Amino acid sequence: MAEEFDLIIIGSGSGNSLITEDWENKKVAMIDGGTFGGTCLNFGCIPTKQYVYPATVAAKAEELHELGVTAQVTSTDWPAMRDRIFARIDAISQGGLEYRQNSENVTVIEEYAKFVDPHTVETSSGRQLTAPQIVVANGSRNIVPEIEGIDHAKVYTSDTVMRMPELPERVLIIGGGYIAAEFAHVFHGLGAQVIQAHRSDVLLRKSDPEVSARFAEEAARQWDLRMNHSVTGISENSDGSLRVAMDHEGTAVTADVDVVLLAIGRRPNTDTVNAAPFFDVDDSSQLLAVDEFQRVLHQRQPVTGIYALGDVSSPHQLKHVANAEMRTVAHNLVHAEDLHTTDHRYVPSAVFTHPQIAQVGLTEPQARERAAQEGFELAVKVQNVGDVAYGWAMEDQVGFLKVLANRETGELLGAHMIGEEASNIIQPLIQAMSFGQTALEVARGQYWIHPALSEVVENALLGLQTEK
């Protein structure tokens, strides 16, 4: 006989915030067999950025000679860095778990679960739970390809690499996406020799092509970037190091390193909850299908009381998107008569590599396609960071901001930046797009602090030469 609850939440990341005061007098079950708090807190956004920051400071110190200052990073205390980071994170995770365990109306089950019917789940130990409302928020996991030797103890993923005992001297990173880009910067900045092996000829494929190309140039300048290199096998040398075998356009090559980081992407955990027999799961992406109200679908129709949020159902795989979807679900669970939607129109993202990258809206090829379909003239402006006053001070020769707009209406269609603090500099454009401000309204409707780096946004918008 299944235990009855009012609400079952599968996953303790963003799903943990669903338990609001609306559920104080109701029975809630939270099920998670992983580390409490989810990927962002324990393995993703937060700890990675705590490594990124010192790596960025170190990288900038090495570059100061261009400004007439000699500086050098002499050593990196990886264990101290690791312990500082995870002492705080582990305490937050454990504190969150204990708080939920001590909540009178919440039953925490530290097991994995799978669906046995649309409103019933079974945990790893065979315990069955049922509820009229269930939220699937169990995230994603690293993709692990079938490569000989991929299970070696010195082959890490983003879930495990940050807890290594020591900083390795030589690292080979497999992948060309944002995880690979960030960790390549981390290890290079902290003093390791880095090889990045990517099977195609394009890095950061979802980025604007001009940004992707500029980053490839900068990556190759900083570490050993090997494009069109497919890893075919990993074996251990007699000294304990690893030999990585690769295929480069038909030619066999090898590299000897101390550790390998597998960073080719993540896949949604739809299979671990046995979603496919009961709900729609995309054959290609493996995403759980939801409608605009975050309701899970079966045969393209919403299943009553079943919602999903975050990486298990979102192609964006971003914490700020998961949090927005959580707020939608939190409302809809208790307001069936007034359902809210999640605004996915202008989802921004950033890559905390070196230099930093940020983007929102359409890429230039996408914008040109839309312009052709709708019959308007596309305005494009690429503003170099080095052409504004603060950029002069930095002697910046790399960074730029690209903005895209409808020339007649001034509607902003996209923004893409590579360079200093890109994730912060792009924020006014995210806000403008979200609130429907035109290019000229943003550029001339406010003061821009001179000579702040944000002037790159002002100059880019004026350079569009839109009518509004």
Protein backbone atom coordinates (compact mmCIF):
# COMPACT_ATOMS: atom_id res chain seq x y z
CA MET A 1 0.00 0.00 0.00
CA ALA A 2 1.50 3.33 -1.06
CA GLU A 3 1.99 6.05 1.55
CA GLU A 4 -0.20 9.05 0.81
CA PHE A 5 1.10 12.64 0.63
CA ASP A 6 -0.30 15.93 -0.57
CA LEU A 7 2.87 16.76 -2.51
CA ILE A 8 5.92 14.79 -3.59
CA ILE A 9 9.05 16.61 -4.75
CA ILE A 10 11.76 14.63 -6.51
CA GLY A 11 15.00 16.57 -6.17
CA SER A 12 16.35 18.92 -3.49
CA GLY A 13 17.87 21.69 -5.62
CA SER A 14 15.47 24.39 -6.79
CA GLY A 15 12.67 22.01 -5.84
CA ASN A 16 13.52 22.56 -2.19
CA SER A 17 12.15 26.11 -2.41
CA LEU A 18 8.69 24.84 -3.38
CA ILE A 19 7.82 24.14 0.25
CA THR A 20 6.30 27.48 1.14
CA GLU A 21 3.90 28.42 3.92
CA ASP A 22 1.08 27.12 1.70
CA TRP A 23 2.14 23.61 2.69
CA GLU A 24 2.48 24.09 6.44
CA ASN A 25 -0.52 21.91 7.30
CA LYS A 26 -0.08 19.36 4.54
CA LYS A 27 2.08 16.28 4.06
CA VAL A 28 5.07 16.77 1.81
CA ALA A 29 7.68 14.20 0.76
CA MET A 30 11.08 15.26 -0.56
CA ILE A 31 13.02 12.51 -2.29
CA ASP A 32 16.68 12.79 -3.28
CA GLY A 33 19.34 10.08 -3.30
CA GLY A 34 22.11 12.52 -4.11
CA THR A 35 23.71 15.37 -2.18
CA PHE A 36 21.10 17.65 -0.65
CA GLY A 37 20.86 21.02 -2.37
CA GLY A 38 21.39 19.87 -5.93
CA THR A 39 24.01 20.47 -8.60
CA CYS A 40 24.42 24.26 -8.44
CA LEU A 41 25.26 24.34 -4.75
CA ASN A 42 27.37 21.21 -4.53
CA PHE A 43 28.98 20.59 -7.94
CA GLY A 44 28.15 23.46 -10.24
CA CYS A 45 27.69 27.23 -10.29
CA ILE A 46 28.76 28.08 -6.76
CA PRO A 47 31.93 26.04 -6.15
CA THR A 48 33.17 26.48 -9.72
CA LYS A 49 33.01 30.25 -9.44
CA GLN A 50 34.93 30.08 -6.18
CA TYR A 51 37.72 28.47 -8.18
CA VAL A 52 37.21 30.79 -11.14
CA TYR A 53 37.76 33.95 -9.12
CA PRO A 54 41.30 33.20 -7.87
CA ALA A 55 42.18 31.76 -11.28
CA THR A 56 41.04 35.03 -12.88
CA VAL A 57 43.02 37.14 -10.40
CA ALA A 58 46.09 35.01 -11.13
CA ALA A 59 45.62 35.27 -14.90
CA LYS A 60 45.29 39.06 -14.67
CA ALA A 61 48.41 39.29 -12.54
CA GLU A 62 50.38 37.58 -15.29
CA GLU A 63 48.99 40.05 -17.84
CA LEU A 64 49.90 43.21 -15.89
CA HIS A 65 53.25 43.52 -17.63
CA GLU A 66 51.36 45.08 -20.55
CA LEU A 67 50.47 47.95 -18.20
CA GLY A 68 53.99 48.44 -16.87
CA VAL A 69 53.54 46.34 -13.73
CA THR A 70 55.51 43.18 -13.05
CA ALA A 71 53.58 40.60 -11.04
CA GLN A 72 53.86 36.86 -10.69
CA VAL A 73 51.88 34.06 -9.07
CA THR A 74 54.46 31.89 -7.34
CA SER A 75 52.30 29.07 -5.96
CA THR A 76 48.79 27.74 -5.53
CA ASP A 77 47.62 26.06 -2.32
CA TRP A 78 44.96 23.81 -3.83
CA PRO A 79 44.11 21.94 -0.60
CA ALA A 80 43.57 25.21 1.28
CA MET A 81 41.44 26.54 -1.55
CA ARG A 82 39.42 23.34 -1.76
CA ASP A 83 38.87 23.14 1.99
CA ARG A 84 37.84 26.80 2.22
CA ILE A 85 35.28 26.33 -0.53
CA PHE A 86 33.74 23.07 0.59
CA ALA A 87 33.77 23.78 4.30
CA ARG A 88 31.18 26.43 3.54
CA ILE A 89 29.26 24.54 0.87
CA ASP A 90 29.06 21.26 2.78
CA ALA A 91 27.77 23.12 5.83
CA ILE A 92 25.01 24.74 3.75
CA SER A 93 24.04 21.39 2.24
CA GLN A 94 23.99 19.63 5.61
CA GLY A 95 22.14 22.52 7.23
CA GLY A 96 19.49 22.45 4.52
CA LEU A 97 19.03 18.73 4.95
CA GLU A 98 18.69 18.97 8.71
CA TYR A 99 16.22 21.84 8.40
CA ARG A 100 13.96 19.79 6.15
CA GLN A 101 14.33 16.70 8.32
CA ASN A 102 13.18 18.73 11.32
CA SER A 103 10.14 20.16 9.51
CA GLU A 104 7.06 18.55 11.04
CA ASN A 105 5.14 18.27 7.79
CA VAL A 106 8.06 17.17 5.55
CA THR A 107 9.31 13.61 5.12
CA VAL A 108 12.82 13.51 3.65
CA ILE A 109 13.77 10.29 1.89
CA GLU A 110 17.45 10.02 0.96
CA GLU A 111 16.94 7.56 -1.88
CA TYR A 112 16.38 7.68 -5.59
CA ALA A 113 12.88 7.17 -6.91
CA LYS A 114 11.12 6.13 -10.10
CA PHE A 115 7.55 6.36 -11.32
CA VAL A 116 5.40 3.23 -11.26
CA ASP A 117 2.32 5.15 -12.40
CA PRO A 118 1.71 8.86 -13.09
CA HIS A 119 0.99 9.62 -9.42
CA THR A 120 3.02 6.96 -7.62
CA VAL A 121 6.77 6.63 -7.14
CA GLU A 122 8.89 3.85 -5.70
CA THR A 123 12.18 4.49 -3.91
CA SER A 124 15.35 2.43 -4.16
CA SER A 125 14.37 0.42 -1.08
CA GLY A 126 10.92 -0.40 -2.48
CA ARG A 127 8.98 2.19 -0.51
CA GLN A 128 5.96 3.47 -2.47
CA LEU A 129 4.52 6.98 -2.20
CA THR A 130 1.55 8.56 -3.93
CA ALA A 131 0.26 12.12 -4.17
CA PRO A 132 -2.19 14.12 -6.28
CA GLN A 133 0.64 16.54 -7.04
CA ILE A 134 4.22 15.59 -7.89
CA VAL A 135 7.08 17.84 -9.00
CA VAL A 136 9.96 16.35 -10.96
CA ALA A 137 13.07 18.43 -10.27
CA ASN A 138 15.86 15.86 -10.26
CA GLY A 139 18.22 17.70 -12.58
CA SER A 140 20.86 16.32 -14.91
CA ARG A 141 24.14 14.41 -14.84
CA ASN A 142 27.42 14.29 -16.72
CA ILE A 143 27.44 12.48 -20.03
CA VAL A 144 29.99 9.64 -19.92
CA PRO A 145 30.85 8.24 -23.37
CA GLU A 146 31.98 4.70 -24.04
CA ILE A 147 35.75 5.19 -24.22
CA GLU A 148 38.25 2.58 -23.13
CA GLY A 149 39.67 3.59 -19.75
CA ILE A 150 37.02 6.25 -19.06
CA ASP A 151 36.35 4.65 -15.66
CA HIS A 152 39.94 5.17 -14.44
CA ALA A 153 40.19 6.75 -10.98
CA LYS A 154 42.10 9.72 -12.40
CA VAL A 155 39.37 10.51 -14.91
CA TYR A 156 37.12 13.11 -13.29
CA THR A 157 33.87 14.86 -14.08
CA SER A 158 32.74 18.30 -12.93
CA ASP A 159 31.04 16.51 -10.01
CA THR A 160 34.32 15.15 -8.67
CA VAL A 161 37.23 17.22 -10.01
CA MET A 162 36.97 20.08 -7.53
CA ARG A 163 37.68 17.76 -4.57
CA MET A 164 40.97 16.42 -5.92
CA PRO A 165 43.68 16.12 -3.25
CA GLU A 166 46.25 18.23 -5.13
CA LEU A 167 46.49 20.53 -8.12
CA PRO A 168 47.74 18.34 -10.98
CA GLU A 169 50.66 19.51 -13.09
CA ARG A 170 49.09 18.34 -16.35
CA VAL A 171 45.37 18.18 -17.17
CA LEU A 172 43.61 17.05 -20.31
CA ILE A 173 40.05 18.33 -20.65
CA ILE A 174 37.69 16.59 -23.05
CA GLY A 175 35.00 18.90 -24.43
CA GLY A 176 34.29 22.24 -26.07
CA GLY A 177 31.34 23.62 -24.13
CA TYR A 178 31.02 25.96 -21.16
CA ILE A 179 32.11 23.44 -18.53
CA ALA A 180 35.30 22.67 -20.45
CA ALA A 181 35.94 26.39 -21.03
CA GLU A 182 35.57 27.27 -17.38
CA PHE A 183 37.74 24.47 -16.06
CA ALA A 184 40.42 25.07 -18.68
CA HIS A 185 40.64 28.60 -17.32
CA VAL A 186 40.63 27.41 -13.70
CA PHE A 187 43.47 24.94 -14.13
CA HIS A 188 45.51 27.17 -16.42
CA GLY A 189 45.06 30.19 -14.16
CA LEU A 190 46.11 28.22 -11.08
CA GLY A 191 49.27 26.98 -12.74
CA ALA A 192 48.58 23.63 -14.41
CA GLN A 193 49.50 22.73 -17.97
CA VAL A 194 46.21 22.32 -19.82
CA ILE A 195 45.32 20.45 -22.98
CA GLN A 196 41.78 20.90 -24.22
CA ALA A 197 40.72 18.26 -26.73
CA HIS A 198 37.54 18.91 -28.67
CA ARG A 199 36.18 16.63 -31.37
CA SER A 200 34.86 19.43 -33.62
CA ASP A 201 36.23 22.70 -34.98
CA VAL A 202 33.91 25.03 -33.04
CA LEU A 203 34.03 25.94 -29.34
CA LEU A 204 30.94 27.09 -27.46
CA ARG A 205 28.68 26.13 -30.35
CA LYS A 206 25.61 27.89 -28.92
CA SER A 207 27.39 31.24 -28.75
CA ASP A 208 27.39 33.87 -31.47
CA PRO A 209 29.92 32.73 -34.11
CA GLU A 210 32.02 35.88 -33.71
CA VAL A 211 32.27 35.35 -29.97
CA SER A 212 33.04 31.68 -30.43
CA ALA A 213 35.84 32.46 -32.89
CA ARG A 214 37.36 35.14 -30.64
CA PHE A 215 37.30 32.81 -27.65
CA ALA A 216 39.00 30.06 -29.65
CA GLU A 217 41.81 32.49 -30.46
CA GLU A 218 42.21 33.44 -26.80
CA ALA A 219 41.96 29.86 -25.57
CA ALA A 220 44.70 28.77 -27.97
CA ARG A 221 46.87 31.64 -26.72
CA GLN A 222 46.50 30.52 -23.10
CA TRP A 223 46.50 26.72 -23.21
CA ASP A 224 47.06 23.85 -25.64
CA LEU A 225 43.82 23.81 -27.62
CA ARG A 226 43.42 20.80 -29.89
CA MET A 227 40.44 21.04 -32.19
CA ASN A 228 39.17 18.04 -34.19
CA HIS A 229 40.69 15.68 -31.64
CA SER A 230 38.53 12.73 -30.57
CA VAL A 231 39.66 10.77 -27.52
CA THR A 232 39.72 7.06 -28.29
CA GLY A 233 41.27 5.57 -25.16
CA ILE A 234 42.87 6.23 -21.77
CA SER A 235 45.48 4.02 -20.16
CA GLU A 236 47.85 4.21 -17.21
CA ASN A 237 51.60 4.61 -17.64
CA SER A 238 54.13 2.86 -15.41
CA ASP A 239 54.67 6.05 -13.38
CA GLY A 240 50.96 6.39 -12.61
CA SER A 241 50.29 9.11 -15.17
CA LEU A 242 47.72 8.70 -17.92
CA ARG A 243 48.24 8.28 -21.63
CA VAL A 244 45.37 9.67 -23.67
CA ALA A 245 44.99 8.34 -27.20
CA MET A 246 43.29 10.63 -29.71
CA ASP A 247 42.31 10.62 -33.35
CA HIS A 248 43.10 13.84 -35.20
CA GLU A 249 41.54 13.73 -38.66
CA GLY A 250 42.68 10.14 -39.18
CA THR A 251 46.04 10.47 -37.45
CA ALA A 252 46.65 8.78 -34.09
CA VAL A 253 48.20 11.05 -31.45
CA THR A 254 48.81 10.71 -27.71
CA ALA A 255 49.30 12.95 -24.69
CA ASP A 256 50.65 12.08 -21.24
CA VAL A 257 48.90 13.87 -18.36
CA ASP A 258 48.23 13.46 -14.66
CA VAL A 259 44.45 13.65 -14.76
CA VAL A 260 41.64 13.82 -17.31
CA LEU A 261 38.50 15.91 -16.93
CA LEU A 262 35.48 14.70 -18.87
CA ALA A 263 33.35 17.73 -19.77
CA ILE A 264 31.32 16.95 -22.88
CA GLY A 265 27.94 17.96 -21.48
CA ARG A 266 25.08 16.90 -19.26
CA ARG A 267 21.88 14.94 -19.87
CA PRO A 268 18.54 15.19 -18.04
CA ASN A 269 17.72 12.54 -15.45
CA THR A 270 14.46 11.46 -17.07
CA ASP A 271 15.60 7.85 -17.31
CA THR A 272 16.46 7.54 -13.62
CA VAL A 273 12.84 8.38 -12.67
CA ASN A 274 11.42 6.06 -15.35
CA ALA A 275 9.56 8.94 -16.96
CA ALA A 276 9.18 7.58 -20.52
CA PRO A 277 6.40 5.03 -19.87
CA PHE A 278 4.12 7.66 -18.34
CA PHE A 279 5.12 11.04 -19.79
CA ASP A 280 6.44 12.56 -23.02
CA VAL A 281 10.24 12.45 -23.26
CA ASP A 282 12.01 13.97 -26.25
CA ASP A 283 13.87 11.28 -28.20
CA SER A 284 16.82 13.54 -29.00
CA SER A 285 17.35 15.67 -25.89
CA GLN A 286 15.80 13.24 -23.40
CA LEU A 287 14.05 16.23 -21.81
CA LEU A 288 10.77 15.74 -19.99
CA ALA A 289 8.13 17.63 -21.97
CA VAL A 290 6.28 20.46 -20.23
CA ASP A 291 3.87 23.18 -21.32
CA GLU A 292 4.15 26.90 -20.63
CA PHE A 293 2.74 26.34 -17.14
CA GLN A 294 5.46 23.74 -16.33
CA ARG A 295 2.86 20.94 -16.44
CA VAL A 296 4.28 17.59 -17.56
CA LEU A 297 2.78 16.25 -20.77
CA HIS A 298 1.62 12.84 -21.93
CA GLN A 299 0.63 12.49 -25.56
CA ARG A 300 1.01 16.30 -25.72
CA GLN A 301 -1.63 16.85 -23.04
CA PRO A 302 -0.94 18.01 -19.45
CA VAL A 303 -1.06 15.33 -16.78
CA THR A 304 -3.14 16.62 -13.89
CA GLY A 305 -1.02 17.56 -10.88
CA ILE A 306 2.38 16.67 -12.39
CA TYR A 307 4.92 19.47 -12.86
CA ALA A 308 8.61 19.64 -13.75
CA LEU A 309 11.32 22.27 -13.53
CA GLY A 310 15.04 22.74 -14.04
CA ASP A 311 17.48 20.61 -15.99
CA VAL A 312 15.21 17.57 -16.23
CA SER A 313 12.81 19.52 -18.47
CA SER A 314 14.66 22.70 -19.53
CA PRO A 315 17.07 22.91 -22.48
CA HIS A 316 18.82 25.86 -20.83
CA GLN A 317 20.42 23.96 -17.89
CA LEU A 318 20.77 27.19 -15.91
CA LYS A 319 20.12 27.76 -12.21
CA HIS A 320 18.42 31.11 -12.75
CA VAL A 321 16.02 29.41 -15.16
CA ALA A 322 15.34 26.60 -12.69
CA ASN A 323 14.60 29.19 -10.00
CA ALA A 324 12.20 31.07 -12.29
CA GLU A 325 10.42 27.83 -13.16
CA MET A 326 10.29 26.97 -9.46
CA ARG A 327 8.43 30.21 -8.76
CA THR A 328 5.96 29.34 -11.52
CA VAL A 329 5.38 25.85 -10.15
CA ALA A 330 5.11 27.08 -6.56
CA HIS A 331 2.26 29.35 -7.62
CA ASN A 332 0.53 26.86 -9.90
CA LEU A 333 0.52 24.08 -7.31
CA VAL A 334 -1.86 26.11 -5.14
CA HIS A 335 -3.61 28.30 -7.75
CA ALA A 336 -5.02 25.91 -10.32
CA GLU A 337 -7.57 28.56 -11.31
CA ASP A 338 -4.89 31.18 -12.09
CA LEU A 339 -1.93 29.47 -13.70
CA HIS A 340 1.27 31.43 -14.30
CA THR A 341 3.74 30.89 -17.12
CA THR A 342 7.53 31.09 -17.09
CA ASP A 343 9.00 33.84 -19.25
CA HIS A 344 11.63 32.13 -21.39
CA ARG A 345 11.85 34.90 -24.00
CA TYR A 346 15.20 36.36 -22.99
CA VAL A 347 17.23 33.79 -21.11
CA PRO A 348 20.76 35.06 -20.50
CA SER A 349 23.81 32.92 -19.84
CA ALA A 350 27.46 33.44 -19.05
CA VAL A 351 30.65 31.42 -19.33
CA PHE A 352 33.08 32.25 -16.53
CA THR A 353 36.21 31.54 -18.50
CA HIS A 354 38.98 34.00 -19.47
CA PRO A 355 37.90 36.28 -20.99
CA GLN A 356 34.37 36.08 -19.65
CA ILE A 357 31.47 35.54 -22.06
CA ALA A 358 27.79 36.50 -21.76
CA GLN A 359 24.83 36.39 -24.10
CA VAL A 360 21.10 36.97 -24.36
CA GLY A 361 18.65 36.67 -27.23
CA LEU A 362 19.36 35.80 -30.84
CA THR A 363 22.78 35.21 -32.36
CA GLU A 364 23.56 37.12 -35.54
CA PRO A 365 22.69 34.19 -37.86
CA GLN A 366 19.39 33.71 -36.02
CA ALA A 367 18.62 37.43 -36.17
CA ARG A 368 19.36 37.57 -39.90
CA GLU A 369 17.03 34.63 -40.45
CA ARG A 370 14.26 36.37 -38.51
CA ALA A 371 14.86 39.64 -40.38
CA ALA A 372 14.54 37.82 -43.70
CA GLN A 373 11.33 36.08 -42.60
CA GLU A 374 9.69 39.23 -41.22
CA GLY A 375 11.04 41.68 -43.77
CA PHE A 376 12.93 44.18 -41.64
CA GLU A 377 16.46 45.57 -41.78
CA LEU A 378 18.81 44.18 -39.14
CA ALA A 379 21.09 46.62 -37.35
CA VAL A 380 24.35 45.19 -35.98
CA LYS A 381 27.04 46.95 -33.99
CA VAL A 382 30.25 45.45 -32.66
CA GLN A 383 31.72 47.76 -30.03
CA ASN A 384 35.29 47.02 -28.99
CA VAL A 385 35.97 47.27 -25.26
CA GLY A 386 39.29 48.92 -26.06
CA ASP A 387 37.52 51.84 -27.73
CA VAL A 388 35.92 53.17 -24.54
CA ALA A 389 37.86 55.05 -21.88
CA TYR A 390 38.06 52.28 -19.30
CA GLY A 391 39.07 49.90 -22.06
CA TRP A 392 41.96 52.23 -22.84
CA ALA A 393 43.07 51.99 -19.23
CA MET A 394 43.02 48.20 -19.53
CA GLU A 395 44.81 48.24 -22.92
CA ASP A 396 42.12 45.79 -23.96
CA GLN A 397 42.69 44.28 -27.40
CA VAL A 398 40.30 41.35 -27.10
CA GLY A 399 36.87 42.20 -25.72
CA PHE A 400 33.83 43.37 -27.66
CA LEU A 401 30.08 43.72 -27.29
CA LYS A 402 27.79 42.90 -30.21
CA VAL A 403 24.20 44.16 -30.20
CA LEU A 404 21.47 43.29 -32.70
CA ALA A 405 18.25 45.22 -33.31
CA ASN A 406 15.41 45.93 -35.70
CA ARG A 407 16.63 49.17 -37.32
CA GLU A 408 13.16 50.66 -37.78
CA THR A 409 11.54 49.81 -34.42
CA GLY A 410 14.67 49.76 -32.25
CA GLU A 411 13.66 46.39 -30.78
CA LEU A 412 16.71 44.71 -29.28
CA LEU A 413 17.07 41.16 -30.55
CA GLY A 414 20.29 39.97 -28.98
CA ALA A 415 23.50 40.90 -27.20
CA HIS A 416 26.77 39.01 -27.01
CA MET A 417 29.92 39.98 -25.15
CA ILE A 418 33.37 38.59 -24.60
CA GLY A 419 35.57 40.51 -22.23
CA GLU A 420 36.01 41.95 -18.77
CA GLU A 421 33.01 41.30 -16.48
CA ALA A 422 30.79 40.39 -19.44
CA SER A 423 28.22 38.76 -17.17
CA ASN A 424 27.66 42.07 -15.37
CA ILE A 425 28.07 44.45 -18.31
CA ILE A 426 25.33 42.72 -20.31
CA GLN A 427 22.69 43.06 -17.58
CA PRO A 428 21.22 46.43 -18.74
CA LEU A 429 20.53 44.84 -22.11
CA ILE A 430 18.79 41.85 -20.51
CA GLN A 431 16.62 44.28 -18.58
CA ALA A 432 15.92 46.38 -21.67
CA MET A 433 14.82 43.37 -23.70
CA SER A 434 12.66 42.03 -20.88
CA PHE A 435 10.84 45.34 -20.44
CA GLY A 436 10.56 46.20 -24.12
CA GLN A 437 12.86 49.23 -24.15
CA THR A 438 14.23 50.28 -27.53
CA ALA A 439 17.89 50.81 -28.30
CA LEU A 440 17.66 54.61 -28.17
CA GLU A 441 15.55 54.59 -25.02
CA VAL A 442 18.26 52.65 -23.22
CA ALA A 443 21.12 54.68 -24.68
CA ARG A 444 19.66 58.14 -24.14
CA GLY A 445 17.06 57.61 -21.41
CA GLN A 446 19.56 57.53 -18.55
CA TYR A 447 23.03 58.62 -17.51
CA TRP A 448 25.98 56.33 -18.12
CA ILE A 449 28.79 56.76 -15.62
CA HIS A 450 31.94 58.03 -17.28
CA PRO A 451 34.45 56.51 -17.61
CA ALA A 452 32.97 53.21 -16.43
CA LEU A 453 33.27 50.06 -18.52
CA SER A 454 29.49 50.09 -18.95
CA GLU A 455 29.97 52.83 -21.56
CA VAL A 456 30.62 49.98 -23.96
CA VAL A 457 26.86 49.32 -23.80
CA GLU A 458 25.94 52.95 -24.44
CA ASN A 459 28.31 53.23 -27.40
CA ALA A 460 27.15 49.94 -28.88
CA LEU A 461 23.49 51.00 -28.73
CA LEU A 462 24.22 54.37 -30.32
CA GLY A 463 26.27 52.65 -32.98
CA LEU A 464 23.23 50.65 -34.08
CA GLN A 465 21.79 53.87 -35.61
CA THR A 466 18.22 52.71 -35.09
CA GLU A 467 15.24 55.01 -35.62
CA LYS A 468 13.92 54.45 -32.10
